[in-house]
Amino acid sequence: MTTVSTAPPPARTHHRARQGRRRMPVLGALPFLAPALALYGIFLLFPIVSAVYLSFMRWNGFPTVPPVWAGLDNYRDILTNDTVFHTALRNSVIWVVLSLIVPTVLALLLALALNRRLLGRNLLRSAFYIPAVLASIAVATMWTWLYNPNSGLVNGTLNALGLSSWIQDWLGEPRIALYSVFVAFVWQTTGFSMVLFLAGLQTVPADLVEAAKLDGASAWQSFRNVTLPALRPTFTVVLVLTVISSLKVFDLIVGMTNGGPAQSSQVLALWSYSQSFINHNFGGGNALAVVLLLITLALVLPYLMWTLKEDER
């Protein structure tokens, strides 16, 4: 009489043991992760869920008046009846496009220049990075002084150079107010992207660069074929952070123009705040916030998925 063994195959037993070892570190880490997860849920997930919920309500923000279900009316209103929304959306798109080009290119050029052996290199790196650590409202106050049409440094310099025809009311002219604020944004954010690019340049294999030079490659060919591919992860981080920061720009515009003149520098983040806390239309303000969130996800997620697929290849 033969005896049939009921023990699982060794390979399957080894696989189950390996899965068990994988689960144990996760379970052991949960007590340490719990405080951070609780804070994450309270200060990030809960406000997002509340904003989505209130976007379907009609509410003036006062606790004595309960919210009333409005369905999709708030979204319908901002898309069809809210003319400021279209201006804010256009300005936000302009801001994102300019942010992806101007500060990113400047940051890369600065990083390439300051990655060389230069006298005072560390001092220059610090000087370009300092604006990134300043509070946005402080930057707004400083640039408002610079743009002062009567006593500001910008118009004073133009006048001293004999370019008085270029003197403008930089923050009071609807055609240029948004771009004047954007200059302050570039000044503040370029240094942070520069530091990220500098960190990425440290990962470029020096032997590959030297091999390209020995093969007769020019500086541009070496940069295009060796440095740029190595900077792909850095570009992913820089572009994602740039899109997010440009879509949620708020402090600079509040401190410099408050969306004016005549809503010419209005953006989605500021208009969402204004609808909620100034116009007491919390339903419409939260609907704008949800639209802004969806736009951010629509821009960031496809790019992240594409970069992940490229990295896998």
C-alpha atoms as a PDB file:
ATOM      1  CA  MET A   1       0.000   0.000   0.000  1.00  0.00           C
ATOM      2  CA  THR A   2       1.469   3.319  -1.088  1.00  0.00           C
ATOM      3  CA  THR A   3       1.328   6.432   1.030  1.00  0.00           C
ATOM      4  CA  VAL A   4       0.445   9.724  -0.713  1.00  0.00           C
ATOM      5  CA  SER A   5       2.278  12.734   0.678  1.00  0.00           C
ATOM      6  CA  THR A   6       0.090  15.763   1.426  1.00  0.00           C
ATOM      7  CA  ALA A   7       2.978  18.163   1.985  1.00  0.00           C
ATOM      8  CA  PRO A   8       3.077  21.118  -0.443  1.00  0.00           C
ATOM      9  CA  PRO A   9       5.856  21.183  -3.020  1.00  0.00           C
ATOM     10  CA  PRO A  10       9.099  22.787  -1.819  1.00  0.00           C
ATOM     11  CA  ALA A  11       8.833  25.607  -4.397  1.00  0.00           C
ATOM     12  CA  ARG A  12       5.337  26.540  -3.240  1.00  0.00           C
ATOM     13  CA  THR A  13       6.412  26.429   0.404  1.00  0.00           C
ATOM     14  CA  HIS A  14       9.349  28.684  -0.363  1.00  0.00           C
ATOM     15  CA  HIS A  15       7.051  31.104  -2.223  1.00  0.00           C
ATOM     16  CA  ARG A  16       4.611  31.279   0.723  1.00  0.00           C
ATOM     17  CA  ALA A  17       7.476  31.827   3.159  1.00  0.00           C
ATOM     18  CA  ARG A  18       8.792  34.637   1.029  1.00  0.00           C
ATOM     19  CA  GLN A  19       5.338  36.273   0.896  1.00  0.00           C
ATOM     20  CA  GLY A  20       5.111  35.965   4.680  1.00  0.00           C
ATOM     21  CA  ARG A  21       8.474  37.678   5.087  1.00  0.00           C
ATOM     22  CA  ARG A  22       7.258  40.502   2.845  1.00  0.00           C
ATOM     23  CA  ARG A  23       4.104  40.996   4.912  1.00  0.00           C
ATOM     24  CA  MET A  24       5.896  41.042   8.242  1.00  0.00           C
ATOM     25  CA  PRO A  25       7.943  44.255   7.666  1.00  0.00           C
ATOM     26  CA  VAL A  26       4.785  46.042   6.485  1.00  0.00           C
ATOM     27  CA  LEU A  27       2.802  44.931   9.527  1.00  0.00           C
ATOM     28  CA  GLY A  28       5.713  45.800  11.796  1.00  0.00           C
ATOM     29  CA  ALA A  29       5.985  49.266  10.267  1.00  0.00           C
ATOM     30  CA  LEU A  30       2.279  50.111  10.677  1.00  0.00           C
ATOM     31  CA  PRO A  31       2.563  51.319  14.304  1.00  0.00           C
ATOM     32  CA  PHE A  32       5.311  53.722  13.249  1.00  0.00           C
ATOM     33  CA  LEU A  33       3.420  54.873  10.153  1.00  0.00           C
ATOM     34  CA  ALA A  34       0.110  55.340  11.977  1.00  0.00           C
ATOM     35  CA  PRO A  35       0.780  58.911  13.275  1.00  0.00           C
ATOM     36  CA  ALA A  36       1.941  60.101   9.843  1.00  0.00           C
ATOM     37  CA  LEU A  37      -1.000  58.393   8.123  1.00  0.00           C
ATOM     38  CA  ALA A  38      -3.420  59.957  10.605  1.00  0.00           C
ATOM     39  CA  LEU A  39      -2.021  63.431   9.951  1.00  0.00           C
ATOM     40  CA  TYR A  40      -2.099  62.762   6.209  1.00  0.00           C
ATOM     41  CA  GLY A  41      -5.738  61.763   6.396  1.00  0.00           C
ATOM     42  CA  ILE A  42      -6.778  64.683   8.610  1.00  0.00           C
ATOM     43  CA  PHE A  43      -4.936  67.490   6.826  1.00  0.00           C
ATOM     44  CA  LEU A  44      -4.993  66.246   3.217  1.00  0.00           C
ATOM     45  CA  LEU A  45      -7.556  63.549   2.466  1.00  0.00           C
ATOM     46  CA  PHE A  46     -10.333  64.982   4.620  1.00  0.00           C
ATOM     47  CA  PRO A  47     -10.133  68.504   3.095  1.00  0.00           C
ATOM     48  CA  ILE A  48     -10.199  66.986  -0.409  1.00  0.00           C
ATOM     49  CA  VAL A  49     -13.262  64.893   0.381  1.00  0.00           C
ATOM     50  CA  SER A  50     -14.934  67.915   2.042  1.00  0.00           C
ATOM     51  CA  ALA A  51     -14.217  70.103  -0.989  1.00  0.00           C
ATOM     52  CA  VAL A  52     -15.739  67.541  -3.348  1.00  0.00           C
ATOM     53  CA  TYR A  53     -18.794  67.210  -1.079  1.00  0.00           C
ATOM     54  CA  LEU A  54     -19.322  70.976  -0.773  1.00  0.00           C
ATOM     55  CA  SER A  55     -18.938  71.433  -4.529  1.00  0.00           C
ATOM     56  CA  PHE A  56     -22.352  69.770  -4.877  1.00  0.00           C
ATOM     57  CA  MET A  57     -23.907  72.027  -2.238  1.00  0.00           C
ATOM     58  CA  ARG A  58     -25.250  75.561  -2.131  1.00  0.00           C
ATOM     59  CA  TRP A  59     -23.858  77.176   1.035  1.00  0.00           C
ATOM     60  CA  ASN A  60     -22.795  80.646   2.146  1.00  0.00           C
ATOM     61  CA  GLY A  61     -20.294  79.400   4.717  1.00  0.00           C
ATOM     62  CA  PHE A  62     -22.201  80.425   7.833  1.00  0.00           C
ATOM     63  CA  PRO A  63     -22.734  77.589  10.349  1.00  0.00           C
ATOM     64  CA  THR A  64     -26.264  78.771  11.137  1.00  0.00           C
ATOM     65  CA  VAL A  65     -27.355  78.034   7.561  1.00  0.00           C
ATOM     66  CA  PRO A  66     -27.114  74.349   6.561  1.00  0.00           C
ATOM     67  CA  PRO A  67     -25.838  73.439   3.091  1.00  0.00           C
ATOM     68  CA  VAL A  68     -28.487  72.630   0.478  1.00  0.00           C
ATOM     69  CA  TRP A  69     -27.985  69.999  -2.196  1.00  0.00           C
ATOM     70  CA  ALA A  70     -27.420  71.634  -5.584  1.00  0.00           C
ATOM     71  CA  GLY A  71     -26.174  68.723  -7.670  1.00  0.00           C
ATOM     72  CA  LEU A  72     -24.181  69.879 -10.685  1.00  0.00           C
ATOM     73  CA  ASP A  73     -25.543  73.440 -10.584  1.00  0.00           C
ATOM     74  CA  ASN A  74     -22.284  74.872  -9.238  1.00  0.00           C
ATOM     75  CA  TYR A  75     -20.293  73.313 -12.066  1.00  0.00           C
ATOM     76  CA  ARG A  76     -22.881  74.449 -14.597  1.00  0.00           C
ATOM     77  CA  ASP A  77     -22.700  78.001 -13.254  1.00  0.00           C
ATOM     78  CA  ILE A  78     -18.916  78.314 -13.406  1.00  0.00           C
ATOM     79  CA  LEU A  79     -18.821  76.890 -16.933  1.00  0.00           C
ATOM     80  CA  THR A  80     -21.672  78.926 -18.410  1.00  0.00           C
ATOM     81  CA  ASN A  81     -22.387  81.977 -16.250  1.00  0.00           C
ATOM     82  CA  ASP A  82     -19.061  82.816 -14.591  1.00  0.00           C
ATOM     83  CA  THR A  83     -17.112  85.038 -16.998  1.00  0.00           C
ATOM     84  CA  VAL A  84     -14.274  85.458 -14.507  1.00  0.00           C
ATOM     85  CA  PHE A  85     -13.738  81.688 -14.549  1.00  0.00           C
ATOM     86  CA  HIS A  86     -12.819  81.766 -18.227  1.00  0.00           C
ATOM     87  CA  THR A  87     -10.365  84.601 -17.616  1.00  0.00           C
ATOM     88  CA  ALA A  88      -8.855  82.761 -14.641  1.00  0.00           C
ATOM     89  CA  LEU A  89      -8.609  79.524 -16.643  1.00  0.00           C
ATOM     90  CA  ARG A  90      -6.877  81.279 -19.537  1.00  0.00           C
ATOM     91  CA  ASN A  91      -4.430  83.004 -17.193  1.00  0.00           C
ATOM     92  CA  SER A  92      -3.692  79.722 -15.398  1.00  0.00           C
ATOM     93  CA  VAL A  93      -2.954  78.013 -18.724  1.00  0.00           C
ATOM     94  CA  ILE A  94      -0.655  80.881 -19.745  1.00  0.00           C
ATOM     95  CA  TRP A  95       1.080  80.688 -16.368  1.00  0.00           C
ATOM     96  CA  VAL A  96       1.643  76.924 -16.642  1.00  0.00           C
ATOM     97  CA  VAL A  97       3.021  77.139 -20.194  1.00  0.00           C
ATOM     98  CA  LEU A  98       5.388  79.975 -19.317  1.00  0.00           C
ATOM     99  CA  SER A  99       6.447  78.195 -16.119  1.00  0.00           C
ATOM    100  CA  LEU A 100       7.378  75.048 -18.008  1.00  0.00           C
ATOM    101  CA  ILE A 101       9.578  77.069 -20.372  1.00  0.00           C
ATOM    102  CA  VAL A 102      11.135  80.116 -18.711  1.00  0.00           C
ATOM    103  CA  PRO A 103      12.189  79.070 -15.164  1.00  0.00           C
ATOM    104  CA  THR A 104      12.976  75.511 -16.282  1.00  0.00           C
ATOM    105  CA  VAL A 105      15.334  76.632 -19.051  1.00  0.00           C
ATOM    106  CA  LEU A 106      16.934  79.285 -16.837  1.00  0.00           C
ATOM    107  CA  ALA A 107      17.407  76.762 -14.024  1.00  0.00           C
ATOM    108  CA  LEU A 108      19.057  74.258 -16.364  1.00  0.00           C
ATOM    109  CA  LEU A 109      21.401  76.899 -17.802  1.00  0.00           C
ATOM    110  CA  LEU A 110      22.358  78.090 -14.322  1.00  0.00           C
ATOM    111  CA  ALA A 111      22.946  74.524 -13.153  1.00  0.00           C
ATOM    112  CA  LEU A 112      25.197  73.801 -16.147  1.00  0.00           C
ATOM    113  CA  ALA A 113      27.139  77.006 -15.550  1.00  0.00           C
ATOM    114  CA  LEU A 114      27.524  76.521 -11.790  1.00  0.00           C
ATOM    115  CA  ASN A 115      28.465  72.859 -12.159  1.00  0.00           C
ATOM    116  CA  ARG A 116      31.861  73.963 -13.467  1.00  0.00           C
ATOM    117  CA  ARG A 117      34.892  74.988 -11.456  1.00  0.00           C
ATOM    118  CA  LEU A 118      34.310  78.716 -10.936  1.00  0.00           C
ATOM    119  CA  LEU A 119      35.580  81.239  -8.445  1.00  0.00           C
ATOM    120  CA  GLY A 120      32.848  81.823  -5.856  1.00  0.00           C
ATOM    121  CA  ARG A 121      30.721  78.990  -7.215  1.00  0.00           C
ATOM    122  CA  ASN A 122      29.174  78.118  -3.854  1.00  0.00           C
ATOM    123  CA  LEU A 123      28.388  81.769  -3.173  1.00  0.00           C
ATOM    124  CA  LEU A 124      26.627  82.081  -6.526  1.00  0.00           C
ATOM    125  CA  ARG A 125      24.654  78.908  -5.881  1.00  0.00           C
ATOM    126  CA  SER A 126      23.480  80.282  -2.542  1.00  0.00           C
ATOM    127  CA  ALA A 127      22.618  83.666  -4.060  1.00  0.00           C
ATOM    128  CA  PHE A 128      20.402  82.096  -6.733  1.00  0.00           C
ATOM    129  CA  TYR A 129      18.750  79.742  -4.232  1.00  0.00           C
ATOM    130  CA  ILE A 130      17.941  82.315  -1.515  1.00  0.00           C
ATOM    131  CA  PRO A 131      14.714  83.589  -3.212  1.00  0.00           C
ATOM    132  CA  ALA A 132      13.277  80.067  -3.039  1.00  0.00           C
ATOM    133  CA  VAL A 133      13.320  80.100   0.778  1.00  0.00           C
ATOM    134  CA  LEU A 134      11.647  83.505   1.100  1.00  0.00           C
ATOM    135  CA  ALA A 135       7.948  83.681   1.919  1.00  0.00           C
ATOM    136  CA  SER A 136       5.867  84.395  -1.170  1.00  0.00           C
ATOM    137  CA  ILE A 137       4.136  87.339   0.484  1.00  0.00           C
ATOM    138  CA  ALA A 138       7.541  88.867   1.261  1.00  0.00           C
ATOM    139  CA  VAL A 139       8.563  88.421  -2.373  1.00  0.00           C
ATOM    140  CA  ALA A 140       5.283  90.035  -3.441  1.00  0.00           C
ATOM    141  CA  THR A 141       5.901  93.042  -1.170  1.00  0.00           C
ATOM    142  CA  MET A 142       9.441  93.489  -2.457  1.00  0.00           C
ATOM    143  CA  TRP A 143       8.463  93.321  -6.117  1.00  0.00           C
ATOM    144  CA  THR A 144       5.546  95.666  -5.530  1.00  0.00           C
ATOM    145  CA  TRP A 145       8.077  98.244  -4.344  1.00  0.00           C
ATOM    146  CA  LEU A 146      10.267  97.549  -7.369  1.00  0.00           C
ATOM    147  CA  TYR A 147       7.297  98.050  -9.709  1.00  0.00           C
ATOM    148  CA  ASN A 148       6.106 101.260  -8.036  1.00  0.00           C
ATOM    149  CA  PRO A 149       5.374 103.595 -10.982  1.00  0.00           C
ATOM    150  CA  ASN A 150       6.691 106.701  -9.175  1.00  0.00           C
ATOM    151  CA  SER A 151       9.571 105.588  -6.972  1.00  0.00           C
ATOM    152  CA  GLY A 152      10.228 101.993  -8.014  1.00  0.00           C
ATOM    153  CA  LEU A 153      13.641 100.724  -9.089  1.00  0.00           C
ATOM    154  CA  VAL A 154      12.380  99.374 -12.426  1.00  0.00           C
ATOM    155  CA  ASN A 155      11.042 102.680 -13.754  1.00  0.00           C
ATOM    156  CA  GLY A 156      13.903 104.567 -12.112  1.00  0.00           C
ATOM    157  CA  THR A 157      16.447 102.415 -13.946  1.00  0.00           C
ATOM    158  CA  LEU A 158      14.635 102.826 -17.260  1.00  0.00           C
ATOM    159  CA  ASN A 159      14.542 106.582 -16.766  1.00  0.00           C
ATOM    160  CA  ALA A 160      18.262 106.690 -15.910  1.00  0.00           C
ATOM    161  CA  LEU A 161      19.078 104.705 -19.074  1.00  0.00           C
ATOM    162  CA  GLY A 162      17.115 107.131 -21.226  1.00  0.00           C
ATOM    163  CA  LEU A 163      14.334 104.612 -21.862  1.00  0.00           C
ATOM    164  CA  SER A 164      11.532 106.704 -20.433  1.00  0.00           C
ATOM    165  CA  SER A 165       9.214 105.542 -23.222  1.00  0.00           C
ATOM    166  CA  TRP A 166       9.343 102.055 -21.673  1.00  0.00           C
ATOM    167  CA  ILE A 167       8.102 103.253 -18.279  1.00  0.00           C
ATOM    168  CA  GLN A 168       4.862 101.513 -17.342  1.00  0.00           C
ATOM    169  CA  ASP A 169       2.451 101.091 -14.491  1.00  0.00           C
ATOM    170  CA  TRP A 170       3.552  97.479 -14.362  1.00  0.00           C
ATOM    171  CA  LEU A 171       0.886  96.241 -11.953  1.00  0.00           C
ATOM    172  CA  GLY A 172      -1.847  98.676 -12.997  1.00  0.00           C
ATOM    173  CA  GLU A 173      -1.925  97.987 -16.727  1.00  0.00           C
ATOM    174  CA  PRO A 174      -4.269  95.072 -17.590  1.00  0.00           C
ATOM    175  CA  ARG A 175      -2.182  93.993 -20.604  1.00  0.00           C
ATOM    176  CA  ILE A 176       1.018  93.381 -18.644  1.00  0.00           C
ATOM    177  CA  ALA A 177      -0.019  92.893 -15.001  1.00  0.00           C
ATOM    178  CA  LEU A 178      -0.046  89.082 -15.200  1.00  0.00           C
ATOM    179  CA  TYR A 179       3.381  88.973 -16.850  1.00  0.00           C
ATOM    180  CA  SER A 180       4.815  91.436 -14.338  1.00  0.00           C
ATOM    181  CA  VAL A 181       3.787  89.116 -11.513  1.00  0.00           C
ATOM    182  CA  PHE A 182       5.194  86.175 -13.462  1.00  0.00           C
ATOM    183  CA  VAL A 183       8.637  87.814 -13.482  1.00  0.00           C
ATOM    184  CA  ALA A 184       8.575  87.737  -9.677  1.00  0.00           C
ATOM    185  CA  PHE A 185       7.540  84.075  -9.834  1.00  0.00           C
ATOM    186  CA  VAL A 186      10.511  83.270 -12.071  1.00  0.00           C
ATOM    187  CA  TRP A 187      12.867  85.101  -9.710  1.00  0.00           C
ATOM    188  CA  GLN A 188      11.541  83.129  -6.743  1.00  0.00           C
ATOM    189  CA  THR A 189      11.328  79.617  -8.216  1.00  0.00           C
ATOM    190  CA  THR A 190      14.296  79.321 -10.590  1.00  0.00           C
ATOM    191  CA  GLY A 191      16.782  78.713  -7.781  1.00  0.00           C
ATOM    192  CA  PHE A 192      14.932  75.680  -6.451  1.00  0.00           C
ATOM    193  CA  SER A 193      14.833  74.017  -9.878  1.00  0.00           C
ATOM    194  CA  MET A 194      18.507  74.908 -10.320  1.00  0.00           C
ATOM    195  CA  VAL A 195      19.400  72.965  -7.159  1.00  0.00           C
ATOM    196  CA  LEU A 196      17.466  69.933  -8.439  1.00  0.00           C
ATOM    197  CA  PHE A 197      19.311  70.080 -11.751  1.00  0.00           C
ATOM    198  CA  LEU A 198      22.631  70.441  -9.928  1.00  0.00           C
ATOM    199  CA  ALA A 199      21.826  67.309  -7.953  1.00  0.00           C
ATOM    200  CA  GLY A 200      20.930  65.516 -11.185  1.00  0.00           C
ATOM    201  CA  LEU A 201      24.180  66.572 -12.843  1.00  0.00           C
ATOM    202  CA  GLN A 202      26.116  64.823 -10.094  1.00  0.00           C
ATOM    203  CA  THR A 203      24.648  61.518 -11.314  1.00  0.00           C
ATOM    204  CA  VAL A 204      25.895  61.958 -14.895  1.00  0.00           C
ATOM    205  CA  PRO A 205      28.692  59.379 -15.393  1.00  0.00           C
ATOM    206  CA  ALA A 206      31.931  61.311 -15.821  1.00  0.00           C
ATOM    207  CA  ASP A 207      33.518  58.480 -17.799  1.00  0.00           C
ATOM    208  CA  LEU A 208      30.764  58.678 -20.433  1.00  0.00           C
ATOM    209  CA  VAL A 209      31.319  62.416 -20.821  1.00  0.00           C
ATOM    210  CA  GLU A 210      35.055  61.866 -21.194  1.00  0.00           C
ATOM    211  CA  ALA A 211      34.477  59.062 -23.692  1.00  0.00           C
ATOM    212  CA  ALA A 212      32.243  61.348 -25.763  1.00  0.00           C
ATOM    213  CA  LYS A 213      34.961  64.018 -25.808  1.00  0.00           C
ATOM    214  CA  LEU A 214      37.594  61.461 -26.859  1.00  0.00           C
ATOM    215  CA  ASP A 215      35.318  60.350 -29.689  1.00  0.00           C
ATOM    216  CA  GLY A 216      35.292  63.927 -30.982  1.00  0.00           C
ATOM    217  CA  ALA A 217      31.809  64.914 -29.821  1.00  0.00           C
ATOM    218  CA  SER A 218      31.158  68.616 -29.492  1.00  0.00           C
ATOM    219  CA  ALA A 219      29.878  70.168 -26.271  1.00  0.00           C
ATOM    220  CA  TRP A 220      26.330  70.217 -27.663  1.00  0.00           C
ATOM    221  CA  GLN A 221      26.531  66.596 -28.842  1.00  0.00           C
ATOM    222  CA  SER A 222      27.861  65.495 -25.470  1.00  0.00           C
ATOM    223  CA  PHE A 223      25.080  67.375 -23.693  1.00  0.00           C
ATOM    224  CA  ARG A 224      22.341  66.015 -25.959  1.00  0.00           C
ATOM    225  CA  ASN A 225      23.464  62.389 -26.027  1.00  0.00           C
ATOM    226  CA  VAL A 226      24.949  61.922 -22.559  1.00  0.00           C
ATOM    227  CA  THR A 227      23.818  64.603 -20.101  1.00  0.00           C
ATOM    228  CA  LEU A 228      20.175  64.993 -21.142  1.00  0.00           C
ATOM    229  CA  PRO A 229      19.308  61.256 -20.969  1.00  0.00           C
ATOM    230  CA  ALA A 230      20.910  61.058 -17.525  1.00  0.00           C
ATOM    231  CA  LEU A 231      18.783  64.015 -16.382  1.00  0.00           C
ATOM    232  CA  ARG A 232      15.468  62.349 -17.298  1.00  0.00           C
ATOM    233  CA  PRO A 233      14.480  61.581 -13.647  1.00  0.00           C
ATOM    234  CA  THR A 234      15.390  65.131 -12.639  1.00  0.00           C
ATOM    235  CA  PHE A 235      13.294  66.581 -15.449  1.00  0.00           C
ATOM    236  CA  THR A 236      10.350  64.495 -14.255  1.00  0.00           C
ATOM    237  CA  VAL A 237      10.586  65.917 -10.727  1.00  0.00           C
ATOM    238  CA  VAL A 238      11.162  69.497 -11.911  1.00  0.00           C
ATOM    239  CA  LEU A 239       8.310  69.519 -14.421  1.00  0.00           C
ATOM    240  CA  VAL A 240       5.801  67.902 -12.067  1.00  0.00           C
ATOM    241  CA  LEU A 241       6.637  70.319  -9.243  1.00  0.00           C
ATOM    242  CA  THR A 242       6.531  73.236 -11.686  1.00  0.00           C
ATOM    243  CA  VAL A 243       3.054  72.326 -12.936  1.00  0.00           C
ATOM    244  CA  ILE A 244       1.721  71.914  -9.414  1.00  0.00           C
ATOM    245  CA  SER A 245       3.250  75.154  -8.100  1.00  0.00           C
ATOM    246  CA  SER A 246       2.115  77.162 -11.121  1.00  0.00           C
ATOM    247  CA  LEU A 247      -1.479  75.919 -10.901  1.00  0.00           C
ATOM    248  CA  LYS A 248      -1.743  76.746  -7.202  1.00  0.00           C
ATOM    249  CA  VAL A 249      -0.025  80.135  -7.386  1.00  0.00           C
ATOM    250  CA  PHE A 250      -1.831  82.374  -4.925  1.00  0.00           C
ATOM    251  CA  ASP A 251       0.330  84.416  -2.537  1.00  0.00           C
ATOM    252  CA  LEU A 252       2.232  86.348  -5.195  1.00  0.00           C
ATOM    253  CA  ILE A 253      -0.904  87.450  -7.019  1.00  0.00           C
ATOM    254  CA  VAL A 254      -2.734  88.338  -3.796  1.00  0.00           C
ATOM    255  CA  GLY A 255       0.204  90.401  -2.582  1.00  0.00           C
ATOM    256  CA  MET A 256       0.862  92.194  -5.876  1.00  0.00           C
ATOM    257  CA  THR A 257      -2.428  92.657  -7.743  1.00  0.00           C
ATOM    258  CA  ASN A 258      -5.143  90.704  -5.878  1.00  0.00           C
ATOM    259  CA  GLY A 259      -6.304  89.500  -9.284  1.00  0.00           C
ATOM    260  CA  GLY A 260      -6.620  92.984 -10.776  1.00  0.00           C
ATOM    261  CA  PRO A 261      -6.745  95.280 -12.502  1.00  0.00           C
ATOM    262  CA  ALA A 262     -10.172  94.338 -13.875  1.00  0.00           C
ATOM    263  CA  GLN A 263      -9.506  90.622 -13.153  1.00  0.00           C
ATOM    264  CA  SER A 264      -6.661  90.655 -15.710  1.00  0.00           C
ATOM    265  CA  SER A 265      -4.311  88.697 -13.405  1.00  0.00           C
ATOM    266  CA  GLN A 266      -6.967  86.428 -11.901  1.00  0.00           C
ATOM    267  CA  VAL A 267      -6.115  82.698 -11.667  1.00  0.00           C
ATOM    268  CA  LEU A 268      -8.119  79.646 -10.638  1.00  0.00           C
ATOM    269  CA  ALA A 269      -6.680  79.266  -7.139  1.00  0.00           C
ATOM    270  CA  LEU A 270      -7.341  82.904  -6.254  1.00  0.00           C
ATOM    271  CA  TRP A 271     -10.811  82.913  -7.808  1.00  0.00           C
ATOM    272  CA  SER A 272     -11.727  79.791  -5.831  1.00  0.00           C
ATOM    273  CA  TYR A 273     -10.677  81.564  -2.629  1.00  0.00           C
ATOM    274  CA  SER A 274     -12.535  84.748  -3.604  1.00  0.00           C
ATOM    275  CA  GLN A 275     -15.744  82.899  -4.351  1.00  0.00           C
ATOM    276  CA  SER A 276     -15.648  81.071  -1.027  1.00  0.00           C
ATOM    277  CA  PHE A 277     -14.437  83.667   1.462  1.00  0.00           C
ATOM    278  CA  ILE A 278     -15.289  86.988  -0.184  1.00  0.00           C
ATOM    279  CA  ASN A 279     -18.436  86.243  -2.175  1.00  0.00           C
ATOM    280  CA  HIS A 280     -19.591  83.621   0.384  1.00  0.00           C
ATOM    281  CA  ASN A 281     -20.308  81.123  -2.362  1.00  0.00           C
ATOM    282  CA  PHE A 282     -18.674  78.035  -0.872  1.00  0.00           C
ATOM    283  CA  GLY A 283     -20.347  75.704  -3.341  1.00  0.00           C
ATOM    284  CA  GLY A 284     -18.958  77.560  -6.346  1.00  0.00           C
ATOM    285  CA  GLY A 285     -15.573  78.061  -4.693  1.00  0.00           C
ATOM    286  CA  ASN A 286     -15.201  74.359  -3.953  1.00  0.00           C
ATOM    287  CA  ALA A 287     -16.379  73.478  -7.449  1.00  0.00           C
ATOM    288  CA  LEU A 288     -13.550  75.652  -8.760  1.00  0.00           C
ATOM    289  CA  ALA A 289     -11.139  73.867  -6.421  1.00  0.00           C
ATOM    290  CA  VAL A 290     -12.283  70.480  -7.740  1.00  0.00           C
ATOM    291  CA  VAL A 291     -11.860  71.679 -11.327  1.00  0.00           C
ATOM    292  CA  LEU A 292      -8.352  72.849 -10.457  1.00  0.00           C
ATOM    293  CA  LEU A 293      -7.598  69.442  -8.901  1.00  0.00           C
ATOM    294  CA  LEU A 294      -8.845  67.627 -12.008  1.00  0.00           C
ATOM    295  CA  ILE A 295      -6.752  69.843 -14.277  1.00  0.00           C
ATOM    296  CA  THR A 296      -3.683  69.144 -12.142  1.00  0.00           C
ATOM    297  CA  LEU A 297      -4.266  65.389 -12.261  1.00  0.00           C
ATOM    298  CA  ALA A 298      -4.928  65.523 -16.013  1.00  0.00           C
ATOM    299  CA  LEU A 299      -1.562  67.222 -16.565  1.00  0.00           C
ATOM    300  CA  VAL A 300       0.583  65.355 -14.051  1.00  0.00           C
ATOM    301  CA  LEU A 301      -0.629  61.737 -14.134  1.00  0.00           C
ATOM    302  CA  PRO A 302      -0.222  61.094 -17.902  1.00  0.00           C
ATOM    303  CA  TYR A 303       3.264  62.568 -17.800  1.00  0.00           C
ATOM    304  CA  LEU A 304       4.230  60.410 -14.818  1.00  0.00           C
ATOM    305  CA  MET A 305       2.843  57.288 -16.498  1.00  0.00           C
ATOM    306  CA  TRP A 306       4.743  58.078 -19.692  1.00  0.00           C
ATOM    307  CA  THR A 307       8.017  58.616 -17.841  1.00  0.00           C
ATOM    308  CA  LEU A 308       7.565  55.363 -15.914  1.00  0.00           C
ATOM    309  CA  LYS A 309       7.035  53.446 -19.150  1.00  0.00           C
ATOM    310  CA  GLU A 310      10.107  55.090 -20.668  1.00  0.00           C
ATOM    311  CA  ASP A 311      12.170  54.133 -17.601  1.00  0.00           C
ATOM    312  CA  GLU A 312      10.985  50.540 -17.838  1.00  0.00           C
ATOM    313  CA  ARG A 313      12.097  50.407 -21.474  1.00  0.00           C
END
